[in-house]
N, C-alpha and C. Protein backbone atom coordinates (compact mmCIF):
# COMPACT_ATOMS: atom_id res chain seq x y z
N UNK A 1 103.11 88.09 100.05
CA UNK A 1 103.36 87.29 98.87
C UNK A 1 104.19 86.08 99.30
N UNK A 2 103.73 84.90 98.95
CA UNK A 2 104.46 83.68 99.28
C UNK A 2 105.63 83.51 98.32
N UNK A 3 106.53 82.59 98.65
CA UNK A 3 107.65 82.31 97.76
C UNK A 3 107.15 81.85 96.40
N UNK A 4 106.10 81.02 96.40
CA UNK A 4 105.54 80.52 95.14
C UNK A 4 104.96 81.67 94.31
N UNK A 5 104.25 82.58 94.97
CA UNK A 5 103.68 83.73 94.26
C UNK A 5 104.80 84.60 93.68
N UNK A 6 105.85 84.76 94.46
CA UNK A 6 106.99 85.57 94.02
C UNK A 6 107.63 84.94 92.79
N UNK A 7 107.84 83.62 92.82
CA UNK A 7 108.45 82.91 91.69
C UNK A 7 107.57 83.02 90.45
N UNK A 8 106.26 82.92 90.63
CA UNK A 8 105.34 83.05 89.49
C UNK A 8 105.41 84.45 88.87
N UNK A 9 105.46 85.47 89.72
CA UNK A 9 105.53 86.85 89.22
C UNK A 9 106.86 87.11 88.53
N UNK A 10 107.94 86.61 89.09
CA UNK A 10 109.25 86.75 88.45
C UNK A 10 109.22 86.06 87.09
N UNK A 11 108.66 84.87 87.03
CA UNK A 11 108.55 84.13 85.77
C UNK A 11 107.72 84.89 84.74
N UNK A 12 106.63 85.48 85.18
CA UNK A 12 105.78 86.27 84.28
C UNK A 12 106.56 87.44 83.69
N UNK A 13 107.36 88.08 84.51
CA UNK A 13 108.16 89.22 84.05
C UNK A 13 109.26 88.77 83.09
N UNK A 14 109.87 87.62 83.37
CA UNK A 14 110.89 87.09 82.46
C UNK A 14 110.28 86.77 81.09
N UNK A 15 109.13 86.12 81.10
CA UNK A 15 108.45 85.77 79.85
C UNK A 15 108.08 87.03 79.06
N UNK A 16 107.57 88.03 79.77
CA UNK A 16 107.18 89.28 79.10
C UNK A 16 108.40 89.96 78.46
N UNK A 17 109.53 89.97 79.16
CA UNK A 17 110.74 90.59 78.61
C UNK A 17 111.23 89.83 77.38
N UNK A 18 111.18 88.51 77.44
CA UNK A 18 111.60 87.68 76.30
C UNK A 18 110.66 87.91 75.12
N UNK A 19 109.38 87.93 75.38
CA UNK A 19 108.40 88.14 74.31
C UNK A 19 108.53 89.53 73.68
N UNK A 20 108.85 90.55 74.49
CA UNK A 20 109.04 91.91 73.94
C UNK A 20 110.21 91.94 72.96
N UNK A 21 111.17 91.09 73.18
CA UNK A 21 112.31 91.00 72.26
C UNK A 21 111.99 90.12 71.05
N UNK A 22 110.80 89.52 71.07
CA UNK A 22 110.39 88.67 69.95
C UNK A 22 111.13 87.34 69.92
N UNK A 23 111.55 86.85 71.07
CA UNK A 23 112.32 85.62 71.15
C UNK A 23 111.48 84.47 71.69
N UNK A 24 111.66 83.29 71.09
CA UNK A 24 111.07 82.08 71.65
C UNK A 24 112.09 81.48 72.62
N UNK A 25 111.66 80.48 73.35
CA UNK A 25 112.60 79.79 74.26
C UNK A 25 113.75 79.17 73.45
N UNK A 26 113.42 78.61 72.31
CA UNK A 26 114.45 78.00 71.45
C UNK A 26 115.40 79.05 70.87
N UNK A 27 114.86 80.24 70.56
CA UNK A 27 115.72 81.32 70.06
C UNK A 27 116.78 81.68 71.10
N UNK A 28 116.37 81.76 72.36
CA UNK A 28 117.31 82.10 73.43
C UNK A 28 118.36 80.99 73.55
N UNK A 29 117.92 79.75 73.47
CA UNK A 29 118.84 78.63 73.56
C UNK A 29 119.88 78.69 72.43
N UNK A 30 119.43 79.00 71.23
CA UNK A 30 120.35 79.10 70.10
C UNK A 30 121.30 80.29 70.23
N UNK A 31 120.77 81.45 70.61
CA UNK A 31 121.61 82.65 70.74
C UNK A 31 122.67 82.50 71.81
N UNK A 32 122.36 81.74 72.86
CA UNK A 32 123.32 81.57 73.95
C UNK A 32 124.15 80.29 73.78
N UNK A 33 124.00 79.68 72.63
CA UNK A 33 124.72 78.45 72.31
C UNK A 33 124.55 77.39 73.41
N UNK A 34 123.33 77.26 73.90
CA UNK A 34 123.00 76.23 74.87
C UNK A 34 123.26 76.60 76.32
N UNK A 35 123.84 77.79 76.56
CA UNK A 35 124.05 78.21 77.96
C UNK A 35 122.72 78.28 78.68
N UNK A 36 121.70 78.73 77.98
CA UNK A 36 120.33 78.77 78.50
C UNK A 36 119.52 77.78 77.67
N UNK A 37 119.08 76.69 78.28
CA UNK A 37 118.27 75.74 77.53
C UNK A 37 116.80 76.16 77.61
N UNK A 38 116.05 75.75 76.61
CA UNK A 38 114.62 76.08 76.58
C UNK A 38 113.92 75.51 77.81
N UNK A 39 114.31 74.31 78.22
CA UNK A 39 113.69 73.69 79.40
C UNK A 39 113.95 74.47 80.68
N UNK A 40 115.19 74.93 80.85
CA UNK A 40 115.54 75.72 82.05
C UNK A 40 114.80 77.05 82.05
N UNK A 41 114.80 77.72 80.91
CA UNK A 41 114.09 79.00 80.83
C UNK A 41 112.60 78.83 81.10
N UNK A 42 112.03 77.77 80.52
CA UNK A 42 110.61 77.50 80.75
C UNK A 42 110.32 77.27 82.23
N UNK A 43 111.21 76.56 82.92
CA UNK A 43 111.03 76.31 84.36
C UNK A 43 111.09 77.62 85.14
N UNK A 44 112.01 78.51 84.77
CA UNK A 44 112.07 79.82 85.44
C UNK A 44 110.79 80.61 85.18
N UNK A 45 110.34 80.57 83.94
CA UNK A 45 109.14 81.35 83.59
C UNK A 45 107.87 80.79 84.22
N UNK A 46 107.83 79.50 84.49
CA UNK A 46 106.68 78.89 85.17
C UNK A 46 106.76 79.07 86.68
N UNK A 47 107.91 79.51 87.15
CA UNK A 47 108.10 79.69 88.59
C UNK A 47 108.39 78.39 89.31
N UNK A 48 108.76 77.35 88.57
CA UNK A 48 109.01 76.06 89.19
C UNK A 48 110.48 75.82 89.50
N UNK A 49 111.31 76.78 89.16
CA UNK A 49 112.73 76.66 89.44
C UNK A 49 113.23 78.01 89.97
N UNK A 50 114.13 77.96 90.95
CA UNK A 50 114.66 79.18 91.56
C UNK A 50 115.77 79.76 90.71
N UNK A 51 115.71 81.06 90.51
CA UNK A 51 116.67 81.77 89.68
C UNK A 51 117.62 82.55 90.59
N UNK A 52 118.90 82.30 90.44
CA UNK A 52 119.91 83.02 91.22
C UNK A 52 120.12 84.41 90.62
N UNK A 53 120.58 85.33 91.45
CA UNK A 53 120.71 86.73 91.05
C UNK A 53 121.64 86.89 89.84
N UNK A 54 122.78 86.24 89.85
CA UNK A 54 123.72 86.43 88.73
C UNK A 54 123.12 85.92 87.42
N UNK A 55 122.27 84.90 87.50
CA UNK A 55 121.60 84.39 86.30
C UNK A 55 120.50 85.37 85.85
N UNK A 56 119.83 85.97 86.82
CA UNK A 56 118.81 86.98 86.50
C UNK A 56 119.45 88.16 85.77
N UNK A 57 120.61 88.58 86.22
CA UNK A 57 121.33 89.70 85.58
C UNK A 57 121.72 89.32 84.16
N UNK A 58 122.17 88.08 83.96
CA UNK A 58 122.51 87.62 82.61
C UNK A 58 121.30 87.68 81.68
N UNK A 59 120.16 87.22 82.17
CA UNK A 59 118.95 87.27 81.35
C UNK A 59 118.54 88.70 81.06
N UNK A 60 118.65 89.56 82.06
CA UNK A 60 118.30 90.97 81.85
C UNK A 60 119.17 91.58 80.76
N UNK A 61 120.45 91.27 80.77
CA UNK A 61 121.35 91.77 79.74
C UNK A 61 120.99 91.19 78.38
N UNK A 62 120.67 89.91 78.33
CA UNK A 62 120.28 89.26 77.08
C UNK A 62 119.01 89.90 76.52
N UNK A 63 118.05 90.19 77.39
CA UNK A 63 116.78 90.79 76.96
C UNK A 63 116.85 92.31 76.86
N UNK A 64 118.01 92.88 77.22
CA UNK A 64 118.24 94.32 77.14
C UNK A 64 117.23 95.13 77.99
N UNK A 65 117.08 94.68 79.23
CA UNK A 65 116.23 95.39 80.19
C UNK A 65 116.99 95.50 81.51
N UNK A 66 116.72 96.52 82.30
CA UNK A 66 117.35 96.59 83.62
C UNK A 66 116.85 95.42 84.49
N UNK A 67 117.75 94.80 85.22
CA UNK A 67 117.38 93.67 86.08
C UNK A 67 116.32 94.08 87.10
N UNK A 68 116.36 95.33 87.50
CA UNK A 68 115.38 95.79 88.50
C UNK A 68 113.95 95.73 87.98
N UNK A 69 113.76 95.78 86.67
CA UNK A 69 112.42 95.68 86.11
C UNK A 69 111.90 94.24 86.14
N UNK A 70 112.80 93.29 86.21
CA UNK A 70 112.39 91.89 86.25
C UNK A 70 112.01 91.44 87.65
N UNK A 71 112.56 92.09 88.66
CA UNK A 71 112.33 91.69 90.05
C UNK A 71 111.00 92.27 90.53
N UNK A 72 110.12 91.40 91.04
CA UNK A 72 108.85 91.91 91.57
C UNK A 72 109.09 92.87 92.74
N UNK A 73 108.28 93.91 92.85
CA UNK A 73 108.45 94.85 93.97
C UNK A 73 108.07 94.17 95.28
N UNK A 74 108.65 94.63 96.39
CA UNK A 74 108.29 94.04 97.68
C UNK A 74 106.84 94.37 98.02
N UNK A 75 106.21 93.45 98.70
CA UNK A 75 104.83 93.66 99.13
C UNK A 75 104.87 94.49 100.40
N UNK A 76 104.17 95.60 100.38
CA UNK A 76 104.15 96.44 101.57
C UNK A 76 103.13 95.90 102.56
N UNK A 77 103.57 95.80 103.77
CA UNK A 77 102.68 95.35 104.83
C UNK A 77 102.08 96.58 105.49
N UNK A 78 100.81 96.51 105.74
CA UNK A 78 100.17 97.60 106.46
C UNK A 78 100.31 97.36 107.95
N UNK A 79 100.29 98.43 108.68
CA UNK A 79 100.45 98.34 110.13
C UNK A 79 99.31 97.58 110.79
N UNK A 80 98.20 97.42 110.10
CA UNK A 80 97.02 96.79 110.68
C UNK A 80 96.89 95.32 110.31
N UNK A 81 97.80 94.77 109.49
CA UNK A 81 97.67 93.40 109.00
C UNK A 81 97.62 92.36 110.11
N UNK A 82 98.33 92.56 111.20
CA UNK A 82 98.38 91.56 112.25
C UNK A 82 97.37 91.80 113.38
N UNK A 83 96.55 92.80 113.23
CA UNK A 83 95.59 93.10 114.29
C UNK A 83 94.27 92.37 114.01
N UNK A 84 93.62 91.90 115.06
CA UNK A 84 92.32 91.25 114.89
C UNK A 84 91.27 92.26 114.40
N UNK A 85 90.12 91.77 113.94
CA UNK A 85 89.05 92.69 113.52
C UNK A 85 88.66 93.62 114.66
N UNK A 86 88.20 94.77 114.30
CA UNK A 86 87.88 95.82 115.27
C UNK A 86 86.36 95.93 115.40
N UNK A 87 85.86 95.55 116.57
CA UNK A 87 84.43 95.67 116.86
C UNK A 87 84.31 96.47 118.15
N UNK A 88 83.63 97.61 118.06
CA UNK A 88 83.52 98.54 119.19
C UNK A 88 82.18 98.36 119.90
N UNK A 89 82.25 98.26 121.21
CA UNK A 89 81.06 98.22 122.06
C UNK A 89 80.65 99.67 122.30
N UNK A 90 79.64 100.11 121.58
CA UNK A 90 79.22 101.51 121.65
C UNK A 90 78.61 101.87 123.01
N UNK A 91 77.96 100.89 123.65
CA UNK A 91 77.38 101.16 124.98
C UNK A 91 78.50 101.47 125.97
N UNK A 92 79.56 100.69 125.94
CA UNK A 92 80.70 100.92 126.85
C UNK A 92 81.39 102.25 126.52
N UNK A 93 81.50 102.52 125.23
CA UNK A 93 82.14 103.76 124.80
C UNK A 93 81.40 104.98 125.34
N UNK A 94 80.07 104.91 125.32
CA UNK A 94 79.27 106.05 125.82
C UNK A 94 79.46 106.28 127.32
N UNK A 95 79.91 105.27 128.05
CA UNK A 95 80.11 105.41 129.50
C UNK A 95 81.46 106.03 129.85
N UNK A 96 82.34 106.12 128.89
CA UNK A 96 83.68 106.68 129.14
C UNK A 96 83.64 108.20 129.04
N UNK A 97 84.56 108.89 129.69
CA UNK A 97 84.57 110.37 129.66
C UNK A 97 84.82 110.89 128.24
N UNK A 98 84.04 111.86 127.81
CA UNK A 98 84.20 112.44 126.47
C UNK A 98 85.57 113.08 126.25
N UNK A 99 86.23 113.48 127.33
CA UNK A 99 87.56 114.08 127.16
C UNK A 99 88.53 113.07 126.56
N UNK A 100 88.32 111.80 126.85
CA UNK A 100 89.19 110.74 126.34
C UNK A 100 88.69 110.22 124.98
N UNK A 101 87.40 110.14 124.83
CA UNK A 101 86.83 109.46 123.65
C UNK A 101 86.13 110.38 122.66
N UNK A 102 86.18 111.67 122.88
CA UNK A 102 85.48 112.62 122.01
C UNK A 102 85.79 112.45 120.54
N UNK A 103 87.08 112.44 120.14
CA UNK A 103 87.39 112.28 118.72
C UNK A 103 86.86 110.96 118.15
N UNK A 104 86.96 109.90 118.93
CA UNK A 104 86.46 108.59 118.48
C UNK A 104 84.95 108.62 118.33
N UNK A 105 84.24 109.22 119.26
CA UNK A 105 82.77 109.31 119.18
C UNK A 105 82.33 110.09 117.94
N UNK A 106 82.98 111.23 117.69
CA UNK A 106 82.62 112.02 116.52
C UNK A 106 82.90 111.25 115.24
N UNK A 107 84.02 110.57 115.21
CA UNK A 107 84.40 109.79 114.02
C UNK A 107 83.39 108.67 113.79
N UNK A 108 82.99 107.98 114.85
CA UNK A 108 82.01 106.89 114.75
C UNK A 108 80.67 107.43 114.25
N UNK A 109 80.27 108.58 114.75
CA UNK A 109 79.00 109.18 114.30
C UNK A 109 79.04 109.43 112.80
N UNK A 110 80.15 109.93 112.30
CA UNK A 110 80.28 110.19 110.86
C UNK A 110 80.23 108.87 110.08
N UNK A 111 80.97 107.86 110.56
CA UNK A 111 80.99 106.56 109.89
C UNK A 111 79.59 105.96 109.84
N UNK A 112 78.87 106.05 110.94
CA UNK A 112 77.52 105.50 110.97
C UNK A 112 76.60 106.19 109.96
N UNK A 113 76.73 107.49 109.82
CA UNK A 113 75.92 108.21 108.83
C UNK A 113 76.31 107.79 107.42
N UNK A 114 77.62 107.76 107.15
CA UNK A 114 78.09 107.40 105.81
C UNK A 114 77.72 105.98 105.41
N UNK A 115 77.71 105.08 106.38
CA UNK A 115 77.42 103.66 106.10
C UNK A 115 75.96 103.30 106.37
N UNK A 116 75.17 104.28 106.72
CA UNK A 116 73.77 104.04 107.07
C UNK A 116 73.65 102.94 108.13
N UNK A 117 74.51 103.01 109.12
CA UNK A 117 74.54 102.03 110.21
C UNK A 117 73.89 102.67 111.43
N UNK A 118 72.73 102.17 111.81
CA UNK A 118 72.01 102.78 112.94
C UNK A 118 72.17 101.99 114.23
N UNK A 119 73.11 101.08 114.27
CA UNK A 119 73.31 100.27 115.47
C UNK A 119 73.66 101.15 116.66
N UNK A 120 73.04 100.85 117.79
CA UNK A 120 73.31 101.61 119.00
C UNK A 120 74.25 100.84 119.93
N UNK A 121 74.51 99.56 119.60
CA UNK A 121 75.27 98.71 120.51
C UNK A 121 76.69 98.40 120.03
N UNK A 122 76.84 98.13 118.75
CA UNK A 122 78.10 97.62 118.23
C UNK A 122 78.40 98.25 116.87
N UNK A 123 79.68 98.50 116.64
CA UNK A 123 80.10 98.98 115.31
C UNK A 123 81.34 98.19 114.89
N UNK A 124 81.25 97.58 113.73
CA UNK A 124 82.39 96.87 113.15
C UNK A 124 83.16 97.84 112.28
N UNK A 125 84.45 97.93 112.52
CA UNK A 125 85.28 98.84 111.74
C UNK A 125 86.24 98.06 110.84
N UNK A 126 86.61 98.67 109.77
CA UNK A 126 87.57 98.08 108.83
C UNK A 126 88.98 98.40 109.30
N UNK A 127 89.94 97.65 108.77
CA UNK A 127 91.34 97.93 109.11
C UNK A 127 91.73 99.34 108.65
N UNK A 128 91.19 99.76 107.53
CA UNK A 128 91.50 101.11 107.05
C UNK A 128 90.93 102.16 108.01
N UNK A 129 89.82 101.82 108.67
CA UNK A 129 89.25 102.72 109.66
C UNK A 129 90.23 102.90 110.83
N UNK A 130 90.84 101.80 111.24
CA UNK A 130 91.80 101.87 112.34
C UNK A 130 93.00 102.73 111.95
N UNK A 131 93.41 102.61 110.70
CA UNK A 131 94.52 103.43 110.20
C UNK A 131 94.15 104.92 110.31
N UNK A 132 92.97 105.26 109.87
CA UNK A 132 92.51 106.66 109.92
C UNK A 132 92.37 107.14 111.37
N UNK A 133 91.78 106.30 112.21
CA UNK A 133 91.62 106.67 113.61
C UNK A 133 92.95 106.89 114.31
N UNK A 134 93.92 106.06 113.98
CA UNK A 134 95.23 106.21 114.63
C UNK A 134 95.85 107.56 114.28
N UNK A 135 95.62 108.03 113.07
CA UNK A 135 96.12 109.36 112.69
C UNK A 135 95.42 110.43 113.51
N UNK A 136 94.13 110.23 113.71
CA UNK A 136 93.35 111.18 114.49
C UNK A 136 93.88 111.29 115.92
N UNK A 137 94.33 110.17 116.48
CA UNK A 137 94.88 110.14 117.84
C UNK A 137 96.40 110.31 117.86
N UNK A 138 97.00 110.60 116.71
CA UNK A 138 98.45 110.80 116.59
C UNK A 138 99.25 109.64 117.18
N UNK A 139 98.87 108.42 116.80
CA UNK A 139 99.55 107.24 117.28
C UNK A 139 99.55 106.17 116.19
N UNK A 140 100.04 105.00 116.49
CA UNK A 140 100.04 103.90 115.53
C UNK A 140 98.76 103.08 115.68
N UNK A 141 98.38 102.33 114.65
CA UNK A 141 97.20 101.47 114.78
C UNK A 141 97.32 100.47 115.93
N UNK A 142 98.49 99.88 116.12
CA UNK A 142 98.67 98.90 117.20
C UNK A 142 98.47 99.54 118.57
N UNK A 143 99.03 100.73 118.77
CA UNK A 143 98.88 101.41 120.06
C UNK A 143 97.43 101.81 120.28
N UNK A 144 96.75 102.29 119.25
CA UNK A 144 95.35 102.67 119.40
C UNK A 144 94.50 101.44 119.69
N UNK A 145 94.77 100.34 119.01
CA UNK A 145 94.04 99.10 119.26
C UNK A 145 94.20 98.68 120.72
N UNK A 146 95.41 98.76 121.21
CA UNK A 146 95.69 98.42 122.61
C UNK A 146 94.94 99.35 123.55
N UNK A 147 94.93 100.62 123.20
CA UNK A 147 94.23 101.62 124.03
C UNK A 147 92.73 101.33 124.06
N UNK A 148 92.14 101.01 122.91
CA UNK A 148 90.71 100.69 122.87
C UNK A 148 90.41 99.45 123.71
N UNK A 149 91.32 98.49 123.68
CA UNK A 149 91.15 97.31 124.51
C UNK A 149 91.23 97.65 125.99
N UNK A 150 92.18 98.51 126.35
CA UNK A 150 92.33 98.93 127.75
C UNK A 150 91.10 99.69 128.23
N UNK A 151 90.45 100.42 127.34
CA UNK A 151 89.23 101.15 127.70
C UNK A 151 88.05 100.20 127.85
N UNK A 152 88.20 98.97 127.39
CA UNK A 152 87.10 98.00 127.47
C UNK A 152 86.08 98.17 126.38
N UNK A 153 86.46 98.81 125.28
CA UNK A 153 85.50 99.07 124.20
C UNK A 153 85.55 98.04 123.08
N UNK A 154 86.52 97.12 123.11
CA UNK A 154 86.61 96.10 122.06
C UNK A 154 85.90 94.83 122.49
N UNK A 155 85.22 94.22 121.54
CA UNK A 155 84.57 92.93 121.80
C UNK A 155 84.95 91.95 120.71
N UNK A 156 84.77 90.66 121.00
CA UNK A 156 85.07 89.63 120.02
C UNK A 156 84.09 89.76 118.86
N UNK A 157 84.56 89.67 117.62
CA UNK A 157 83.68 89.81 116.46
C UNK A 157 82.53 88.80 116.45
N UNK A 158 82.78 87.58 116.90
CA UNK A 158 81.73 86.56 116.90
C UNK A 158 80.68 86.81 117.96
N UNK A 159 81.03 87.62 118.94
CA UNK A 159 80.11 87.90 120.04
C UNK A 159 79.52 89.29 119.94
N UNK A 160 79.34 89.78 118.73
CA UNK A 160 78.88 91.16 118.54
C UNK A 160 77.39 91.32 118.77
N UNK A 161 76.69 90.24 119.01
CA UNK A 161 75.27 90.37 119.32
C UNK A 161 75.14 91.06 120.68
N UNK A 162 74.22 92.00 120.81
CA UNK A 162 74.11 92.79 122.04
C UNK A 162 73.92 91.96 123.30
N UNK A 163 73.36 90.76 123.21
CA UNK A 163 73.08 89.99 124.41
C UNK A 163 74.29 89.26 124.95
N UNK A 164 75.26 88.95 124.12
CA UNK A 164 76.43 88.19 124.57
C UNK A 164 77.71 88.88 124.17
N UNK A 165 78.11 89.85 124.93
CA UNK A 165 79.35 90.56 124.62
C UNK A 165 80.46 90.11 125.55
N UNK A 166 81.58 89.81 124.97
CA UNK A 166 82.75 89.43 125.73
C UNK A 166 83.83 90.47 125.48
N UNK A 167 84.44 90.95 126.53
CA UNK A 167 85.51 91.94 126.38
C UNK A 167 86.71 91.30 125.72
N UNK A 168 87.35 92.04 124.87
CA UNK A 168 88.55 91.57 124.21
C UNK A 168 89.75 92.09 124.99
N UNK A 169 90.69 91.21 125.23
CA UNK A 169 91.91 91.67 125.90
C UNK A 169 92.77 92.41 124.90
N UNK A 170 93.49 93.41 125.35
CA UNK A 170 94.29 94.22 124.42
C UNK A 170 95.56 93.50 124.00
N UNK A 171 95.41 92.51 123.12
CA UNK A 171 96.56 91.74 122.65
C UNK A 171 96.96 92.25 121.28
N UNK A 172 98.22 92.56 121.12
CA UNK A 172 98.74 92.98 119.83
C UNK A 172 99.72 91.91 119.40
N UNK A 173 99.44 91.29 118.27
CA UNK A 173 100.32 90.23 117.79
C UNK A 173 101.56 90.83 117.15
N UNK A 174 102.71 90.19 117.33
CA UNK A 174 103.94 90.71 116.71
C UNK A 174 103.87 90.58 115.19
N UNK A 175 104.52 91.50 114.50
CA UNK A 175 104.53 91.48 113.05
C UNK A 175 105.31 90.26 112.56
N UNK A 176 104.76 89.63 111.51
CA UNK A 176 105.46 88.49 110.90
C UNK A 176 106.56 89.02 110.02
N UNK A 177 107.67 88.34 110.04
CA UNK A 177 108.77 88.76 109.18
C UNK A 177 108.51 88.25 107.78
N UNK A 178 108.85 89.05 106.82
CA UNK A 178 108.67 88.69 105.42
C UNK A 178 109.99 88.21 104.85
N UNK A 179 109.96 87.14 104.06
CA UNK A 179 111.22 86.68 103.47
C UNK A 179 111.74 87.69 102.46
N UNK A 180 113.04 87.83 102.42
CA UNK A 180 113.67 88.74 101.44
C UNK A 180 114.05 87.95 100.21
N UNK A 181 113.90 88.58 99.06
CA UNK A 181 114.25 87.92 97.79
C UNK A 181 115.25 88.74 97.04
């Protein structure tokens, strides 16, 4: 969630709390004897002005709601958000020892049946697939992605055509930090 998205969501919650109390922007201005002007409140509700915490608490008290209900929840990042798309070279996978790749092979066979994917060369997996696979291997998605790259089973998504396959290096991008609000 960007700062702008966060401000818009906070504004939406402020407006909803005010409306639940049956108050207009002018009503709030009158009740607070001008401490809160209609223009300032409108700017907060549109997300075009930044609201400080102590002011948020004041509004929560005025609207008779817990301040925590006005604050948007943090966006949870998935462990797979920073990983590139997962495209498996099935021909290379078949050349690896089954002792290492057995669970992955069985899982791929099931996915192919469920998705009616009869490709013998390449399989594109979803990020949620990587999450599930990492549980199967008792590791994290990033570590499994790196392992698949080290095995030589990952290829560039744009080069998924069987005639032009390029090995993907096992690069794991660092997680982006999220701003705190």
